[in-house]
């Protein structure tokens, strides 16, 4: 049985939408991963072990506050990573 954080899936699914709104944001794999990690650290995880659990959590995403939390965490992460990208440092 696999344990998964459905919020991670939702963050990845919404990443491009948020990146497209930030002019000049780097979209390299390193920056994308840094953005997702930073956003996930601000969001409450929703772990599931079944398809039913995944459907339930994804249904929660339809609630405006949950959507706002995910988009806000991503937007803040995009700004932070854009201001201090690590792809040239390592």
N, C-alpha and C. Protein backbone atom coordinates (compact mmCIF):
# COMPACT_ATOMS: atom_id res chain seq x y z
N UNK A 1 0.83 -1.18 0.00
CA UNK A 1 0.00 0.00 0.00
C UNK A 1 0.88 1.25 0.00
N UNK A 2 0.54 2.20 -0.79
CA UNK A 2 1.32 3.43 -0.92
C UNK A 2 0.63 4.57 -0.17
N UNK A 3 1.40 5.31 0.60
CA UNK A 3 0.90 6.50 1.28
C UNK A 3 1.31 7.71 0.45
N UNK A 4 0.34 8.55 0.12
CA UNK A 4 0.62 9.71 -0.72
C UNK A 4 0.02 10.98 -0.11
N UNK A 5 0.70 12.09 -0.35
CA UNK A 5 0.21 13.40 0.05
C UNK A 5 -0.49 14.00 -1.17
N UNK A 6 -1.80 14.04 -1.15
CA UNK A 6 -2.58 14.53 -2.28
C UNK A 6 -2.33 16.02 -2.51
N UNK A 7 -1.99 16.75 -1.46
CA UNK A 7 -1.71 18.18 -1.61
C UNK A 7 -0.52 18.37 -2.55
N UNK A 8 0.45 17.46 -2.49
CA UNK A 8 1.59 17.56 -3.40
C UNK A 8 1.13 17.50 -4.85
N UNK A 9 0.23 16.59 -5.15
CA UNK A 9 -0.33 16.46 -6.49
C UNK A 9 -1.02 17.75 -6.91
N UNK A 10 -1.81 18.32 -6.01
CA UNK A 10 -2.54 19.55 -6.32
C UNK A 10 -1.59 20.72 -6.53
N UNK A 11 -0.51 20.77 -5.76
CA UNK A 11 0.47 21.84 -5.93
C UNK A 11 1.13 21.73 -7.30
N UNK A 12 1.57 20.53 -7.66
CA UNK A 12 2.19 20.34 -8.98
C UNK A 12 1.21 20.70 -10.10
N UNK A 13 -0.06 20.34 -9.93
CA UNK A 13 -1.06 20.62 -10.96
C UNK A 13 -1.30 22.12 -11.15
N UNK A 14 -1.09 22.91 -10.12
CA UNK A 14 -1.36 24.34 -10.18
C UNK A 14 -0.10 25.18 -10.40
N UNK A 15 1.05 24.55 -10.41
CA UNK A 15 2.32 25.27 -10.51
C UNK A 15 2.41 26.12 -11.78
N UNK A 16 2.14 25.55 -12.93
CA UNK A 16 2.30 26.29 -14.19
C UNK A 16 1.37 27.50 -14.25
N UNK A 17 0.17 27.36 -13.74
CA UNK A 17 -0.79 28.46 -13.72
C UNK A 17 -0.22 29.65 -12.94
N UNK A 18 0.40 29.38 -11.81
CA UNK A 18 0.96 30.45 -10.98
C UNK A 18 2.25 30.98 -11.61
N UNK A 19 3.09 30.11 -12.13
CA UNK A 19 4.33 30.55 -12.78
C UNK A 19 4.05 31.46 -13.98
N UNK A 20 3.01 31.17 -14.73
CA UNK A 20 2.68 31.97 -15.91
C UNK A 20 2.27 33.39 -15.54
N UNK A 21 1.85 33.60 -14.32
CA UNK A 21 1.43 34.94 -13.89
C UNK A 21 2.60 35.78 -13.37
N UNK A 22 3.75 35.18 -13.17
CA UNK A 22 4.93 35.89 -12.65
C UNK A 22 5.89 36.11 -13.79
N UNK A 23 5.94 37.33 -14.29
CA UNK A 23 6.84 37.66 -15.39
C UNK A 23 8.29 37.45 -14.97
N UNK A 24 9.02 36.76 -15.80
CA UNK A 24 10.44 36.55 -15.55
C UNK A 24 10.76 35.42 -14.59
N UNK A 25 9.74 34.69 -14.13
CA UNK A 25 9.98 33.57 -13.21
C UNK A 25 10.70 32.45 -13.96
N UNK A 26 11.73 31.91 -13.35
CA UNK A 26 12.47 30.81 -13.94
C UNK A 26 11.62 29.54 -13.85
N UNK A 27 11.63 28.78 -14.93
CA UNK A 27 10.83 27.55 -14.99
C UNK A 27 11.71 26.31 -15.12
N UNK A 28 13.00 26.45 -14.78
CA UNK A 28 13.87 25.28 -14.84
C UNK A 28 13.44 24.27 -13.78
N UNK A 29 13.87 23.03 -13.94
CA UNK A 29 13.45 21.96 -13.03
C UNK A 29 13.85 22.25 -11.58
N UNK A 30 15.03 22.82 -11.38
CA UNK A 30 15.50 23.12 -10.02
C UNK A 30 14.58 24.15 -9.35
N UNK A 31 14.27 25.23 -10.06
CA UNK A 31 13.40 26.27 -9.49
C UNK A 31 11.99 25.73 -9.27
N UNK A 32 11.50 24.93 -10.20
CA UNK A 32 10.16 24.35 -10.03
C UNK A 32 10.11 23.48 -8.78
N UNK A 33 11.13 22.66 -8.58
CA UNK A 33 11.16 21.80 -7.39
C UNK A 33 11.27 22.63 -6.12
N UNK A 34 12.10 23.69 -6.15
CA UNK A 34 12.23 24.56 -4.98
C UNK A 34 10.90 25.24 -4.65
N UNK A 35 10.18 25.68 -5.67
CA UNK A 35 8.88 26.33 -5.47
C UNK A 35 7.89 25.35 -4.84
N UNK A 36 7.82 24.14 -5.38
CA UNK A 36 6.88 23.15 -4.85
C UNK A 36 7.24 22.80 -3.41
N UNK A 37 8.52 22.59 -3.12
CA UNK A 37 8.94 22.25 -1.76
C UNK A 37 8.57 23.36 -0.79
N UNK A 38 8.83 24.59 -1.19
CA UNK A 38 8.53 25.73 -0.31
C UNK A 38 7.02 25.84 -0.07
N UNK A 39 6.23 25.68 -1.12
CA UNK A 39 4.77 25.75 -0.98
C UNK A 39 4.26 24.62 -0.08
N UNK A 40 4.77 23.42 -0.29
CA UNK A 40 4.32 22.28 0.53
C UNK A 40 4.65 22.47 2.00
N UNK A 41 5.75 23.13 2.29
CA UNK A 41 6.11 23.37 3.69
C UNK A 41 5.15 24.34 4.36
N UNK A 42 4.40 25.09 3.59
CA UNK A 42 3.42 26.03 4.16
C UNK A 42 2.02 25.45 4.24
N UNK A 43 1.79 24.33 3.59
CA UNK A 43 0.45 23.74 3.52
C UNK A 43 0.34 22.50 4.40
N UNK A 44 -0.86 22.30 4.90
CA UNK A 44 -1.13 21.10 5.70
C UNK A 44 -1.21 19.89 4.75
N UNK A 45 -0.43 18.85 5.02
CA UNK A 45 -0.49 17.67 4.14
C UNK A 45 -1.81 16.93 4.31
N UNK A 46 -2.23 16.25 3.26
CA UNK A 46 -3.43 15.40 3.28
C UNK A 46 -2.99 14.03 2.75
N UNK A 47 -2.65 13.13 3.67
CA UNK A 47 -2.17 11.80 3.28
C UNK A 47 -3.32 10.85 3.07
N UNK A 48 -3.20 10.04 2.02
CA UNK A 48 -4.21 9.04 1.72
C UNK A 48 -3.54 7.72 1.36
N UNK A 49 -4.30 6.64 1.48
CA UNK A 49 -3.81 5.32 1.09
C UNK A 49 -4.76 4.65 0.11
N UNK A 50 -5.83 5.35 -0.28
CA UNK A 50 -6.80 4.74 -1.18
C UNK A 50 -7.29 5.76 -2.20
N UNK A 51 -7.88 5.25 -3.26
CA UNK A 51 -8.46 6.11 -4.28
C UNK A 51 -9.62 6.92 -3.70
N UNK A 52 -10.37 6.31 -2.82
CA UNK A 52 -11.48 7.00 -2.18
C UNK A 52 -10.99 8.19 -1.38
N UNK A 53 -9.91 8.00 -0.64
CA UNK A 53 -9.33 9.11 0.12
C UNK A 53 -8.84 10.21 -0.79
N UNK A 54 -8.25 9.83 -1.91
CA UNK A 54 -7.75 10.83 -2.87
C UNK A 54 -8.90 11.65 -3.44
N UNK A 55 -9.99 10.99 -3.78
CA UNK A 55 -11.16 11.68 -4.31
C UNK A 55 -11.71 12.65 -3.27
N UNK A 56 -11.76 12.23 -2.03
CA UNK A 56 -12.26 13.08 -0.95
C UNK A 56 -11.42 14.34 -0.82
N UNK A 57 -10.10 14.20 -0.81
CA UNK A 57 -9.22 15.36 -0.67
C UNK A 57 -9.32 16.26 -1.89
N UNK A 58 -9.37 15.68 -3.07
CA UNK A 58 -9.50 16.50 -4.28
C UNK A 58 -10.83 17.25 -4.29
N UNK A 59 -11.87 16.65 -3.71
CA UNK A 59 -13.15 17.34 -3.60
C UNK A 59 -13.02 18.54 -2.66
N UNK A 60 -12.19 18.42 -1.63
CA UNK A 60 -11.93 19.55 -0.73
C UNK A 60 -11.34 20.72 -1.50
N UNK A 61 -10.56 20.42 -2.54
CA UNK A 61 -9.91 21.46 -3.33
C UNK A 61 -10.94 22.36 -4.01
N UNK A 62 -12.15 21.88 -4.16
CA UNK A 62 -13.21 22.69 -4.75
C UNK A 62 -13.66 23.80 -3.80
N UNK A 63 -13.35 23.67 -2.52
CA UNK A 63 -13.69 24.72 -1.55
C UNK A 63 -12.79 25.92 -1.80
N UNK A 64 -13.39 27.11 -1.90
CA UNK A 64 -12.61 28.31 -2.20
C UNK A 64 -11.42 28.55 -1.26
N UNK A 65 -11.57 28.30 0.03
CA UNK A 65 -10.47 28.57 0.96
C UNK A 65 -9.29 27.64 0.71
N UNK A 66 -9.55 26.38 0.41
CA UNK A 66 -8.48 25.43 0.13
C UNK A 66 -7.74 25.82 -1.15
N UNK A 67 -8.50 26.20 -2.18
CA UNK A 67 -7.88 26.65 -3.43
C UNK A 67 -7.02 27.88 -3.17
N UNK A 68 -7.54 28.82 -2.40
CA UNK A 68 -6.81 30.04 -2.09
C UNK A 68 -5.52 29.73 -1.33
N UNK A 69 -5.58 28.80 -0.40
CA UNK A 69 -4.40 28.43 0.37
C UNK A 69 -3.30 27.86 -0.54
N UNK A 70 -3.68 27.00 -1.46
CA UNK A 70 -2.71 26.39 -2.38
C UNK A 70 -2.12 27.44 -3.31
N UNK A 71 -2.97 28.27 -3.90
CA UNK A 71 -2.50 29.29 -4.85
C UNK A 71 -1.64 30.32 -4.12
N UNK A 72 -2.03 30.71 -2.92
CA UNK A 72 -1.25 31.69 -2.15
C UNK A 72 0.11 31.13 -1.79
N UNK A 73 0.16 29.89 -1.33
CA UNK A 73 1.44 29.27 -0.98
C UNK A 73 2.35 29.18 -2.20
N UNK A 74 1.77 28.85 -3.34
CA UNK A 74 2.55 28.79 -4.58
C UNK A 74 3.05 30.16 -5.00
N UNK A 75 2.19 31.16 -4.93
CA UNK A 75 2.58 32.51 -5.35
C UNK A 75 3.70 33.05 -4.47
N UNK A 76 3.60 32.83 -3.17
CA UNK A 76 4.66 33.26 -2.26
C UNK A 76 5.96 32.52 -2.55
N UNK A 77 5.86 31.24 -2.85
CA UNK A 77 7.05 30.45 -3.16
C UNK A 77 7.68 30.89 -4.47
N UNK A 78 6.87 31.20 -5.47
CA UNK A 78 7.39 31.68 -6.75
C UNK A 78 8.15 32.99 -6.53
N UNK A 79 7.58 33.90 -5.77
CA UNK A 79 8.25 35.17 -5.50
C UNK A 79 9.57 34.96 -4.78
N UNK A 80 9.57 34.12 -3.77
CA UNK A 80 10.78 33.88 -2.98
C UNK A 80 11.88 33.24 -3.82
N UNK A 81 11.52 32.20 -4.57
CA UNK A 81 12.51 31.50 -5.38
C UNK A 81 12.99 32.40 -6.53
N UNK A 82 12.09 33.18 -7.11
CA UNK A 82 12.48 34.09 -8.19
C UNK A 82 13.48 35.13 -7.71
N UNK A 83 13.33 35.56 -6.47
CA UNK A 83 14.24 36.55 -5.91
C UNK A 83 15.57 35.96 -5.47
N UNK A 84 15.61 34.64 -5.29
CA UNK A 84 16.83 34.00 -4.83
C UNK A 84 16.95 32.59 -5.43
N UNK A 85 17.10 32.50 -6.77
CA UNK A 85 17.18 31.18 -7.40
C UNK A 85 18.47 30.46 -7.02
N UNK A 86 18.37 29.14 -6.88
CA UNK A 86 19.53 28.35 -6.48
C UNK A 86 20.16 27.61 -7.65
N UNK A 87 19.56 27.69 -8.83
CA UNK A 87 20.06 26.90 -9.96
C UNK A 87 21.46 27.28 -10.40
N UNK A 88 21.89 28.49 -10.14
CA UNK A 88 23.23 28.92 -10.54
C UNK A 88 24.26 28.69 -9.41
N UNK A 89 23.79 28.34 -8.24
CA UNK A 89 24.66 28.23 -7.08
C UNK A 89 25.20 26.83 -6.88
N UNK A 90 24.56 25.83 -7.45
CA UNK A 90 25.00 24.45 -7.21
C UNK A 90 25.27 23.73 -8.48
